[in-house]
Amino acid sequence: MTFLQILAIILAVLAIVGSVVPALPGPPLAWVGMLLVYFNPSGSESMSLTFLGVWLAVTIVVTVLDYLLPSLFTNLTGAHKAASLGALIGMLAGVFLTPIGMLAGCLLGAFLGELLAAGNDLWGSIKAALGAFLGFLATTGMKLLCSGAMAYYILKYLF
């Protein structure tokens, strides 16, 4: 097994971990692992450039949605724009902490944005925070699916 193959497998594992841990960009790591497999086609079949390009597009979309969906879900609960902005700011601030910090930042940001800036009551602010929580769950699941699928293809094309 070559160095590139070992590195591709390590990136696949880190990508799955990075789908939950905010410090690691899960899908981009998996895509780099696929790129390494593309340049080292010593498995049973070689990966096509089109296949790699499609997964690059998926990776970009998932990465962008990771930052947008929590605030969109907050809007879907009828929250004020301040709650959506608070969810985004809180999530970005929580990125530097643990996944719990990211989740707490998203929830707290949406709650405070709705409570303070929009002047909503306690229940309306909780509802906005729950929308942000659902958005966080949706993006985490999306990243796990994307990274898991790419990890599968890394292993498939290597062996």
C-alpha atoms as a PDB file:
ATOM      1  CA  MET A   1       0.000   0.000   0.000  1.00  0.00           C
ATOM      2  CA  THR A   2       1.452   3.356  -1.041  1.00  0.00           C
ATOM      3  CA  PHE A   3       1.660   6.552   0.957  1.00  0.00           C
ATOM      4  CA  LEU A   4      -1.125   8.177  -1.105  1.00  0.00           C
ATOM      5  CA  GLN A   5      -3.443   5.235  -0.472  1.00  0.00           C
ATOM      6  CA  ILE A   6      -2.830   5.355   3.276  1.00  0.00           C
ATOM      7  CA  LEU A   7      -3.322   9.128   3.286  1.00  0.00           C
ATOM      8  CA  ALA A   8      -6.605   8.759   1.344  1.00  0.00           C
ATOM      9  CA  ILE A   9      -7.920   6.304   3.946  1.00  0.00           C
ATOM     10  CA  ILE A  10      -6.850   8.589   6.799  1.00  0.00           C
ATOM     11  CA  LEU A  11      -8.634  11.500   5.117  1.00  0.00           C
ATOM     12  CA  ALA A  12     -11.787   9.386   4.710  1.00  0.00           C
ATOM     13  CA  VAL A  13     -11.817   8.607   8.437  1.00  0.00           C
ATOM     14  CA  LEU A  14     -11.091  12.235   9.349  1.00  0.00           C
ATOM     15  CA  ALA A  15     -13.910  13.328   7.045  1.00  0.00           C
ATOM     16  CA  ILE A  16     -16.458  11.231   8.903  1.00  0.00           C
ATOM     17  CA  VAL A  17     -15.181  12.591  12.220  1.00  0.00           C
ATOM     18  CA  GLY A  18     -15.169  16.094  10.708  1.00  0.00           C
ATOM     19  CA  SER A  19     -18.831  15.792   9.846  1.00  0.00           C
ATOM     20  CA  VAL A  20     -19.545  16.086  13.561  1.00  0.00           C
ATOM     21  CA  VAL A  21     -16.488  17.951  14.874  1.00  0.00           C
ATOM     22  CA  PRO A  22     -16.567  21.561  13.701  1.00  0.00           C
ATOM     23  CA  ALA A  23     -12.789  22.018  13.522  1.00  0.00           C
ATOM     24  CA  LEU A  24     -12.503  19.521  10.659  1.00  0.00           C
ATOM     25  CA  PRO A  25     -14.190  20.166   7.302  1.00  0.00           C
ATOM     26  CA  GLY A  26     -15.662  16.696   6.685  1.00  0.00           C
ATOM     27  CA  PRO A  27     -16.731  16.620   3.017  1.00  0.00           C
ATOM     28  CA  PRO A  28     -13.739  18.623   1.726  1.00  0.00           C
ATOM     29  CA  LEU A  29     -11.371  16.193   3.471  1.00  0.00           C
ATOM     30  CA  ALA A  30     -13.145  13.244   1.883  1.00  0.00           C
ATOM     31  CA  TRP A  31     -12.955  14.883  -1.528  1.00  0.00           C
ATOM     32  CA  VAL A  32      -9.200  15.411  -1.149  1.00  0.00           C
ATOM     33  CA  GLY A  33      -8.990  11.702  -0.299  1.00  0.00           C
ATOM     34  CA  MET A  34     -10.846  10.927  -3.528  1.00  0.00           C
ATOM     35  CA  LEU A  35      -8.445  13.201  -5.413  1.00  0.00           C
ATOM     36  CA  LEU A  36      -5.532  11.204  -4.032  1.00  0.00           C
ATOM     37  CA  VAL A  37      -7.202   7.994  -5.214  1.00  0.00           C
ATOM     38  CA  TYR A  38      -7.683   9.560  -8.658  1.00  0.00           C
ATOM     39  CA  PHE A  39      -3.956  10.302  -8.923  1.00  0.00           C
ATOM     40  CA  ASN A  40      -3.012   6.861  -7.629  1.00  0.00           C
ATOM     41  CA  PRO A  41      -5.215   4.428  -9.601  1.00  0.00           C
ATOM     42  CA  SER A  42      -3.725   1.187  -8.399  1.00  0.00           C
ATOM     43  CA  GLY A  43      -7.021  -0.363  -7.344  1.00  0.00           C
ATOM     44  CA  SER A  44      -9.307  -2.630  -9.313  1.00  0.00           C
ATOM     45  CA  GLU A  45     -10.641   0.215 -11.466  1.00  0.00           C
ATOM     46  CA  SER A  46      -9.773   3.863 -11.953  1.00  0.00           C
ATOM     47  CA  MET A  47     -11.941   6.802 -10.975  1.00  0.00           C
ATOM     48  CA  SER A  48     -13.085   9.080 -13.794  1.00  0.00           C
ATOM     49  CA  LEU A  49     -12.523  12.804 -13.859  1.00  0.00           C
ATOM     50  CA  THR A  50     -16.277  13.324 -14.323  1.00  0.00           C
ATOM     51  CA  PHE A  51     -16.995  11.290 -11.187  1.00  0.00           C
ATOM     52  CA  LEU A  52     -14.478  13.384  -9.269  1.00  0.00           C
ATOM     53  CA  GLY A  53     -16.009  16.613 -10.634  1.00  0.00           C
ATOM     54  CA  VAL A  54     -19.522  15.599  -9.608  1.00  0.00           C
ATOM     55  CA  TRP A  55     -18.327  14.893  -6.081  1.00  0.00           C
ATOM     56  CA  LEU A  56     -16.529  18.257  -6.033  1.00  0.00           C
ATOM     57  CA  ALA A  57     -19.840  19.955  -6.857  1.00  0.00           C
ATOM     58  CA  VAL A  58     -21.617  17.939  -4.145  1.00  0.00           C
ATOM     59  CA  THR A  59     -18.883  18.864  -1.665  1.00  0.00           C
ATOM     60  CA  ILE A  60     -19.207  22.568  -2.454  1.00  0.00           C
ATOM     61  CA  VAL A  61     -23.008  22.502  -2.159  1.00  0.00           C
ATOM     62  CA  VAL A  62     -22.921  20.591   1.144  1.00  0.00           C
ATOM     63  CA  THR A  63     -20.280  22.934   2.563  1.00  0.00           C
ATOM     64  CA  VAL A  64     -22.278  26.045   1.645  1.00  0.00           C
ATOM     65  CA  LEU A  65     -25.527  24.538   2.945  1.00  0.00           C
ATOM     66  CA  ASP A  66     -23.787  23.700   6.208  1.00  0.00           C
ATOM     67  CA  TYR A  67     -23.622  27.411   6.970  1.00  0.00           C
ATOM     68  CA  LEU A  68     -26.986  28.407   5.508  1.00  0.00           C
ATOM     69  CA  LEU A  69     -29.463  25.734   6.598  1.00  0.00           C
ATOM     70  CA  PRO A  70     -29.553  26.472  10.337  1.00  0.00           C
ATOM     71  CA  SER A  71     -30.639  30.041   9.661  1.00  0.00           C
ATOM     72  CA  LEU A  72     -33.084  28.880   6.961  1.00  0.00           C
ATOM     73  CA  PHE A  73     -34.689  26.408   9.381  1.00  0.00           C
ATOM     74  CA  THR A  74     -34.897  29.227  11.899  1.00  0.00           C
ATOM     75  CA  ASN A  75     -36.801  31.299   9.328  1.00  0.00           C
ATOM     76  CA  LEU A  76     -39.154  28.383   8.644  1.00  0.00           C
ATOM     77  CA  THR A  77     -40.312  28.471  12.262  1.00  0.00           C
ATOM     78  CA  GLY A  78     -41.549  32.015  11.690  1.00  0.00           C
ATOM     79  CA  ALA A  79     -38.636  33.613  13.462  1.00  0.00           C
ATOM     80  CA  HIS A  80     -37.413  37.141  12.827  1.00  0.00           C
ATOM     81  CA  LYS A  81     -34.340  37.708  10.645  1.00  0.00           C
ATOM     82  CA  ALA A  82     -32.457  38.624  13.809  1.00  0.00           C
ATOM     83  CA  ALA A  83     -32.897  35.028  15.022  1.00  0.00           C
ATOM     84  CA  SER A  84     -31.497  33.677  11.739  1.00  0.00           C
ATOM     85  CA  LEU A  85     -28.553  36.021  11.931  1.00  0.00           C
ATOM     86  CA  GLY A  86     -28.056  35.117  15.589  1.00  0.00           C
ATOM     87  CA  ALA A  87     -28.072  31.406  14.706  1.00  0.00           C
ATOM     88  CA  LEU A  88     -25.427  31.952  12.028  1.00  0.00           C
ATOM     89  CA  ILE A  89     -23.232  34.117  14.265  1.00  0.00           C
ATOM     90  CA  GLY A  90     -23.605  31.728  17.193  1.00  0.00           C
ATOM     91  CA  MET A  91     -22.761  28.721  15.055  1.00  0.00           C
ATOM     92  CA  LEU A  92     -19.667  30.425  13.619  1.00  0.00           C
ATOM     93  CA  ALA A  93     -18.565  31.435  17.113  1.00  0.00           C
ATOM     94  CA  GLY A  94     -19.111  27.885  18.330  1.00  0.00           C
ATOM     95  CA  VAL A  95     -16.950  26.462  15.529  1.00  0.00           C
ATOM     96  CA  PHE A  96     -13.902  27.200  17.656  1.00  0.00           C
ATOM     97  CA  LEU A  97     -15.247  25.065  20.496  1.00  0.00           C
ATOM     98  CA  THR A  98     -16.569  21.527  20.509  1.00  0.00           C
ATOM     99  CA  PRO A  99     -19.581  20.283  18.530  1.00  0.00           C
ATOM    100  CA  ILE A 100     -21.549  21.061  21.680  1.00  0.00           C
ATOM    101  CA  GLY A 101     -20.255  24.633  21.500  1.00  0.00           C
ATOM    102  CA  MET A 102     -21.338  24.924  17.880  1.00  0.00           C
ATOM    103  CA  LEU A 103     -24.789  23.597  18.706  1.00  0.00           C
ATOM    104  CA  ALA A 104     -25.082  25.758  21.826  1.00  0.00           C
ATOM    105  CA  GLY A 105     -23.938  28.826  19.884  1.00  0.00           C
ATOM    106  CA  CYS A 106     -26.516  28.187  17.188  1.00  0.00           C
ATOM    107  CA  LEU A 107     -29.313  27.701  19.726  1.00  0.00           C
ATOM    108  CA  LEU A 108     -28.279  30.605  21.932  1.00  0.00           C
ATOM    109  CA  GLY A 109     -27.754  32.944  18.989  1.00  0.00           C
ATOM    110  CA  ALA A 110     -31.210  32.213  17.570  1.00  0.00           C
ATOM    111  CA  PHE A 111     -32.817  32.478  21.014  1.00  0.00           C
ATOM    112  CA  LEU A 112     -31.150  35.794  21.859  1.00  0.00           C
ATOM    113  CA  GLY A 113     -31.715  37.218  18.393  1.00  0.00           C
ATOM    114  CA  GLU A 114     -35.426  36.478  18.639  1.00  0.00           C
ATOM    115  CA  LEU A 115     -35.759  37.555  22.267  1.00  0.00           C
ATOM    116  CA  LEU A 116     -33.703  40.764  22.220  1.00  0.00           C
ATOM    117  CA  ALA A 117     -33.732  42.083  18.664  1.00  0.00           C
ATOM    118  CA  ALA A 118     -37.211  40.975  17.629  1.00  0.00           C
ATOM    119  CA  GLY A 119     -38.741  41.533  21.060  1.00  0.00           C
ATOM    120  CA  ASN A 120     -40.552  38.199  20.919  1.00  0.00           C
ATOM    121  CA  ASP A 121     -41.782  36.322  23.971  1.00  0.00           C
ATOM    122  CA  LEU A 122     -40.036  33.366  25.579  1.00  0.00           C
ATOM    123  CA  TRP A 123     -41.975  30.696  23.636  1.00  0.00           C
ATOM    124  CA  GLY A 124     -41.363  32.394  20.277  1.00  0.00           C
ATOM    125  CA  SER A 125     -37.670  32.604  21.078  1.00  0.00           C
ATOM    126  CA  ILE A 126     -37.541  28.921  22.057  1.00  0.00           C
ATOM    127  CA  LYS A 127     -39.321  28.024  18.812  1.00  0.00           C
ATOM    128  CA  ALA A 128     -36.708  29.967  16.838  1.00  0.00           C
ATOM    129  CA  ALA A 129     -33.913  28.165  18.694  1.00  0.00           C
ATOM    130  CA  LEU A 130     -35.526  24.791  17.935  1.00  0.00           C
ATOM    131  CA  GLY A 131     -35.606  25.702  14.243  1.00  0.00           C
ATOM    132  CA  ALA A 132     -31.881  26.401  14.415  1.00  0.00           C
ATOM    133  CA  PHE A 133     -31.358  23.056  16.177  1.00  0.00           C
ATOM    134  CA  LEU A 134     -33.226  21.207  13.418  1.00  0.00           C
ATOM    135  CA  GLY A 135     -31.092  22.967  10.828  1.00  0.00           C
ATOM    136  CA  PHE A 136     -27.957  21.902  12.679  1.00  0.00           C
ATOM    137  CA  LEU A 137     -29.164  18.290  12.752  1.00  0.00           C
ATOM    138  CA  ALA A 138     -29.999  18.414   9.044  1.00  0.00           C
ATOM    139  CA  THR A 139     -26.574  19.713   8.074  1.00  0.00           C
ATOM    140  CA  THR A 140     -24.753  17.240  10.303  1.00  0.00           C
ATOM    141  CA  GLY A 141     -26.686  14.368   8.730  1.00  0.00           C
ATOM    142  CA  MET A 142     -26.033  15.729   5.260  1.00  0.00           C
ATOM    143  CA  LYS A 143     -22.283  15.974   5.932  1.00  0.00           C
ATOM    144  CA  LEU A 144     -22.215  12.457   7.385  1.00  0.00           C
ATOM    145  CA  LEU A 145     -23.978  11.030   4.320  1.00  0.00           C
ATOM    146  CA  CYS A 146     -21.721  12.882   1.916  1.00  0.00           C
ATOM    147  CA  SER A 147     -18.497  12.000   3.744  1.00  0.00           C
ATOM    148  CA  GLY A 148     -19.613   8.409   4.263  1.00  0.00           C
ATOM    149  CA  ALA A 149     -20.392   7.975   0.569  1.00  0.00           C
ATOM    150  CA  MET A 150     -17.031   9.399  -0.445  1.00  0.00           C
ATOM    151  CA  ALA A 151     -15.269   7.187   2.112  1.00  0.00           C
ATOM    152  CA  TYR A 152     -17.041   4.217   0.539  1.00  0.00           C
ATOM    153  CA  TYR A 153     -15.803   5.218  -2.924  1.00  0.00           C
ATOM    154  CA  ILE A 154     -12.275   5.782  -1.630  1.00  0.00           C
ATOM    155  CA  LEU A 155     -12.235   2.217  -0.323  1.00  0.00           C
ATOM    156  CA  LYS A 156     -13.995   0.851  -3.407  1.00  0.00           C
ATOM    157  CA  TYR A 157     -11.485   2.367  -5.819  1.00  0.00           C
ATOM    158  CA  LEU A 158      -8.502   1.409  -3.661  1.00  0.00           C
ATOM    159  CA  PHE A 159      -9.445  -2.241  -3.230  1.00  0.00           C
END
